[in-house]
N, C-alpha and C. Protein backbone atom coordinates (compact mmCIF):
# COMPACT_ATOMS: atom_id res chain seq x y z
N MET A 1 -17.07 -89.15 -116.39
CA MET A 1 -17.09 -89.61 -115.02
C MET A 1 -17.21 -91.12 -115.00
N PRO A 2 -16.34 -91.81 -114.25
CA PRO A 2 -16.39 -93.27 -114.23
C PRO A 2 -17.67 -93.78 -113.55
N THR A 3 -18.12 -94.93 -114.01
CA THR A 3 -19.31 -95.55 -113.46
C THR A 3 -18.97 -96.21 -112.12
N THR A 4 -19.88 -96.09 -111.18
CA THR A 4 -19.71 -96.72 -109.88
C THR A 4 -19.98 -98.22 -110.03
N THR A 5 -19.14 -99.02 -109.41
CA THR A 5 -19.31 -100.47 -109.49
C THR A 5 -20.17 -100.96 -108.33
N THR A 6 -20.68 -102.18 -108.50
CA THR A 6 -21.48 -102.77 -107.43
C THR A 6 -20.63 -103.01 -106.18
N ALA A 7 -19.35 -103.30 -106.38
CA ALA A 7 -18.45 -103.49 -105.23
C ALA A 7 -18.28 -102.18 -104.46
N GLN A 8 -18.16 -101.07 -105.19
CA GLN A 8 -18.04 -99.77 -104.53
C GLN A 8 -19.31 -99.43 -103.76
N LEU A 9 -20.46 -99.73 -104.35
CA LEU A 9 -21.73 -99.49 -103.67
C LEU A 9 -21.85 -100.35 -102.42
N ARG A 10 -21.46 -101.62 -102.53
CA ARG A 10 -21.49 -102.52 -101.38
C ARG A 10 -20.60 -102.00 -100.26
N THR A 11 -19.41 -101.52 -100.62
CA THR A 11 -18.49 -100.97 -99.63
C THR A 11 -19.09 -99.73 -98.97
N ALA A 12 -19.70 -98.87 -99.76
CA ALA A 12 -20.32 -97.66 -99.21
C ALA A 12 -21.45 -98.02 -98.25
N ILE A 13 -22.23 -99.02 -98.60
CA ILE A 13 -23.32 -99.48 -97.73
C ILE A 13 -22.76 -100.01 -96.41
N GLU A 14 -21.69 -100.80 -96.49
CA GLU A 14 -21.06 -101.35 -95.29
C GLU A 14 -20.51 -100.22 -94.40
N VAL A 15 -19.90 -99.22 -95.02
CA VAL A 15 -19.35 -98.09 -94.27
C VAL A 15 -20.49 -97.33 -93.56
N LEU A 16 -21.59 -97.11 -94.27
CA LEU A 16 -22.72 -96.43 -93.66
C LEU A 16 -23.30 -97.23 -92.50
N ASN A 17 -23.40 -98.54 -92.67
CA ASN A 17 -23.91 -99.39 -91.59
C ASN A 17 -22.99 -99.33 -90.37
N LYS A 18 -21.68 -99.33 -90.61
CA LYS A 18 -20.72 -99.23 -89.50
C LYS A 18 -20.83 -97.86 -88.82
N LEU A 19 -21.04 -96.82 -89.62
CA LEU A 19 -21.20 -95.48 -89.05
C LEU A 19 -22.43 -95.42 -88.15
N ALA A 20 -23.55 -95.98 -88.62
CA ALA A 20 -24.77 -96.00 -87.80
C ALA A 20 -24.54 -96.78 -86.52
N GLU A 21 -23.84 -97.90 -86.63
CA GLU A 21 -23.52 -98.72 -85.45
C GLU A 21 -22.67 -97.92 -84.46
N ARG A 22 -21.68 -97.23 -84.99
CA ARG A 22 -20.79 -96.43 -84.14
C ARG A 22 -21.55 -95.29 -83.46
N LEU A 23 -22.42 -94.64 -84.19
CA LEU A 23 -23.23 -93.57 -83.59
C LEU A 23 -24.09 -94.10 -82.45
N ASN A 24 -24.69 -95.27 -82.65
CA ASN A 24 -25.50 -95.88 -81.60
C ASN A 24 -24.66 -96.22 -80.37
N GLU A 25 -23.46 -96.75 -80.61
CA GLU A 25 -22.56 -97.09 -79.50
C GLU A 25 -22.14 -95.84 -78.73
N GLN A 26 -21.79 -94.79 -79.46
CA GLN A 26 -21.38 -93.55 -78.80
C GLN A 26 -22.53 -92.94 -78.01
N ALA A 27 -23.73 -92.99 -78.59
CA ALA A 27 -24.90 -92.44 -77.89
C ALA A 27 -25.17 -93.22 -76.61
N ALA A 28 -25.10 -94.54 -76.70
CA ALA A 28 -25.35 -95.37 -75.52
C ALA A 28 -24.31 -95.06 -74.44
N HIS A 29 -23.06 -94.92 -74.85
CA HIS A 29 -22.01 -94.61 -73.90
C HIS A 29 -22.25 -93.24 -73.26
N SER A 30 -22.61 -92.26 -74.08
CA SER A 30 -22.86 -90.91 -73.57
C SER A 30 -24.02 -90.88 -72.61
N VAL A 31 -25.08 -91.61 -72.92
CA VAL A 31 -26.26 -91.64 -72.06
C VAL A 31 -25.90 -92.26 -70.71
N ILE A 32 -25.11 -93.30 -70.74
CA ILE A 32 -24.69 -93.96 -69.49
C ILE A 32 -23.88 -92.99 -68.62
N GLN A 33 -23.11 -92.12 -69.25
CA GLN A 33 -22.26 -91.18 -68.51
C GLN A 33 -23.03 -90.01 -67.91
N MET A 34 -24.27 -89.82 -68.33
CA MET A 34 -25.06 -88.69 -67.82
C MET A 34 -25.39 -88.88 -66.35
N PRO A 35 -25.35 -87.80 -65.60
CA PRO A 35 -25.70 -87.89 -64.18
C PRO A 35 -27.20 -88.16 -63.99
N GLU A 36 -27.52 -88.76 -62.88
CA GLU A 36 -28.91 -89.04 -62.53
C GLU A 36 -29.54 -87.74 -62.05
N SER A 37 -29.98 -86.93 -62.99
CA SER A 37 -30.61 -85.65 -62.64
C SER A 37 -31.53 -85.23 -63.78
N ARG A 38 -32.28 -84.21 -63.52
CA ARG A 38 -33.19 -83.69 -64.55
C ARG A 38 -32.39 -83.24 -65.78
N LEU A 39 -31.30 -82.52 -65.56
CA LEU A 39 -30.45 -82.06 -66.66
C LEU A 39 -29.84 -83.25 -67.40
N GLY A 40 -29.38 -84.23 -66.66
CA GLY A 40 -28.82 -85.44 -67.28
C GLY A 40 -29.86 -86.14 -68.13
N ASP A 41 -31.08 -86.23 -67.62
CA ASP A 41 -32.17 -86.85 -68.38
C ASP A 41 -32.48 -86.07 -69.65
N ASP A 42 -32.46 -84.73 -69.56
CA ASP A 42 -32.71 -83.89 -70.73
C ASP A 42 -31.63 -84.10 -71.80
N TYR A 43 -30.38 -84.13 -71.36
CA TYR A 43 -29.28 -84.37 -72.30
C TYR A 43 -29.38 -85.76 -72.93
N ALA A 44 -29.71 -86.74 -72.13
CA ALA A 44 -29.84 -88.10 -72.63
C ALA A 44 -30.94 -88.18 -73.68
N THR A 45 -32.04 -87.50 -73.43
CA THR A 45 -33.15 -87.49 -74.39
C THR A 45 -32.71 -86.84 -75.70
N ARG A 46 -31.97 -85.73 -75.59
CA ARG A 46 -31.48 -85.06 -76.81
C ARG A 46 -30.50 -85.95 -77.57
N ILE A 47 -29.63 -86.61 -76.85
CA ILE A 47 -28.66 -87.50 -77.50
C ILE A 47 -29.39 -88.61 -78.24
N GLU A 48 -30.34 -89.23 -77.58
CA GLU A 48 -31.10 -90.32 -78.20
C GLU A 48 -31.86 -89.83 -79.43
N SER A 49 -32.49 -88.68 -79.31
CA SER A 49 -33.26 -88.12 -80.42
C SER A 49 -32.36 -87.81 -81.62
N ARG A 50 -31.22 -87.17 -81.35
CA ARG A 50 -30.29 -86.84 -82.42
C ARG A 50 -29.73 -88.10 -83.08
N THR A 51 -29.45 -89.10 -82.28
CA THR A 51 -28.92 -90.35 -82.81
C THR A 51 -29.94 -91.04 -83.70
N ILE A 52 -31.18 -91.06 -83.27
CA ILE A 52 -32.24 -91.66 -84.09
C ILE A 52 -32.36 -90.92 -85.41
N GLU A 53 -32.31 -89.60 -85.36
CA GLU A 53 -32.41 -88.79 -86.57
C GLU A 53 -31.25 -89.09 -87.52
N GLN A 54 -30.04 -89.12 -86.99
CA GLN A 54 -28.86 -89.37 -87.81
C GLN A 54 -28.87 -90.78 -88.40
N THR A 55 -29.19 -91.76 -87.58
CA THR A 55 -29.18 -93.14 -88.10
C THR A 55 -30.31 -93.36 -89.11
N THR A 56 -31.42 -92.66 -88.94
CA THR A 56 -32.50 -92.76 -89.92
C THR A 56 -32.05 -92.21 -91.27
N ARG A 57 -31.35 -91.09 -91.25
CA ARG A 57 -30.81 -90.53 -92.50
C ARG A 57 -29.81 -91.49 -93.14
N ILE A 58 -28.95 -92.05 -92.32
CA ILE A 58 -27.95 -92.99 -92.83
C ILE A 58 -28.64 -94.20 -93.45
N GLU A 59 -29.65 -94.74 -92.78
CA GLU A 59 -30.38 -95.90 -93.28
C GLU A 59 -31.09 -95.58 -94.59
N THR A 60 -31.59 -94.36 -94.73
CA THR A 60 -32.25 -93.94 -95.97
C THR A 60 -31.25 -93.92 -97.13
N VAL A 61 -30.08 -93.37 -96.89
CA VAL A 61 -29.04 -93.33 -97.93
C VAL A 61 -28.59 -94.75 -98.26
N ALA A 62 -28.37 -95.57 -97.25
CA ALA A 62 -27.95 -96.95 -97.49
C ALA A 62 -29.00 -97.71 -98.30
N ALA A 63 -30.26 -97.49 -98.02
CA ALA A 63 -31.34 -98.15 -98.76
C ALA A 63 -31.32 -97.71 -100.22
N GLN A 64 -31.08 -96.43 -100.47
CA GLN A 64 -31.00 -95.95 -101.86
C GLN A 64 -29.81 -96.58 -102.58
N LEU A 65 -28.68 -96.67 -101.89
CA LEU A 65 -27.51 -97.31 -102.50
C LEU A 65 -27.78 -98.78 -102.80
N LYS A 66 -28.47 -99.47 -101.89
CA LYS A 66 -28.83 -100.87 -102.12
C LYS A 66 -29.72 -101.00 -103.35
N SER A 67 -30.65 -100.07 -103.49
CA SER A 67 -31.55 -100.08 -104.64
C SER A 67 -30.77 -99.88 -105.94
N TRP A 68 -29.86 -98.91 -105.95
CA TRP A 68 -29.04 -98.68 -107.13
C TRP A 68 -28.17 -99.89 -107.45
N ARG A 69 -27.63 -100.50 -106.41
CA ARG A 69 -26.80 -101.69 -106.61
C ARG A 69 -27.61 -102.82 -107.24
N GLU A 70 -28.82 -103.01 -106.76
CA GLU A 70 -29.69 -104.06 -107.33
C GLU A 70 -30.03 -103.75 -108.78
N GLU A 71 -30.27 -102.48 -109.09
CA GLU A 71 -30.55 -102.09 -110.48
C GLU A 71 -29.37 -102.42 -111.39
N ILE A 72 -28.16 -102.09 -110.92
CA ILE A 72 -26.96 -102.37 -111.71
C ILE A 72 -26.80 -103.88 -111.91
N LEU A 73 -27.01 -104.65 -110.84
CA LEU A 73 -26.89 -106.11 -110.95
C LEU A 73 -27.91 -106.66 -111.94
N GLN A 74 -29.13 -106.15 -111.91
CA GLN A 74 -30.16 -106.60 -112.85
C GLN A 74 -29.78 -106.25 -114.29
N GLN A 75 -29.25 -105.04 -114.49
CA GLN A 75 -28.81 -104.63 -115.82
C GLN A 75 -27.69 -105.52 -116.32
N GLN A 76 -26.77 -105.87 -115.43
CA GLN A 76 -25.67 -106.75 -115.81
C GLN A 76 -26.18 -108.13 -116.19
N LYS A 77 -27.13 -108.65 -115.43
CA LYS A 77 -27.71 -109.96 -115.74
C LYS A 77 -28.43 -109.94 -117.08
N GLN A 78 -29.16 -108.87 -117.34
CA GLN A 78 -29.86 -108.75 -118.62
C GLN A 78 -28.87 -108.64 -119.77
N SER A 79 -27.81 -107.90 -119.55
CA SER A 79 -26.80 -107.73 -120.58
C SER A 79 -26.12 -109.06 -120.89
N ILE A 80 -25.84 -109.83 -119.87
CA ILE A 80 -25.20 -111.14 -120.06
C ILE A 80 -26.15 -112.08 -120.80
N SER A 81 -27.43 -112.08 -120.42
CA SER A 81 -28.38 -113.00 -121.06
C SER A 81 -28.62 -112.62 -122.52
N ILE A 82 -28.52 -111.34 -122.85
CA ILE A 82 -28.69 -110.89 -124.23
C ILE A 82 -27.50 -111.34 -125.07
N HIS A 83 -26.30 -111.30 -124.50
CA HIS A 83 -25.08 -111.66 -125.24
C HIS A 83 -24.88 -113.17 -125.36
N VAL A 84 -25.61 -113.94 -124.59
CA VAL A 84 -25.43 -115.40 -124.60
C VAL A 84 -26.27 -116.04 -125.64
């Protein structure tokens, strides 16, 4: 299995950040479209709650990818300093 590069990890992190941004935008748009009623308020609350849950998961994965990317960069720096 090929090794993941730091560029691939950076791209994955950027994609996840864009996904979280898009989810927040869609949620905001959906909430605005809800009618001013008890049912509309209930739906808006569910949308906001689900969006927070999803973006939290995305942020957790992005943070792990950032950590792995930093580890790879540190290993590369150590490898270069050993060879010099």
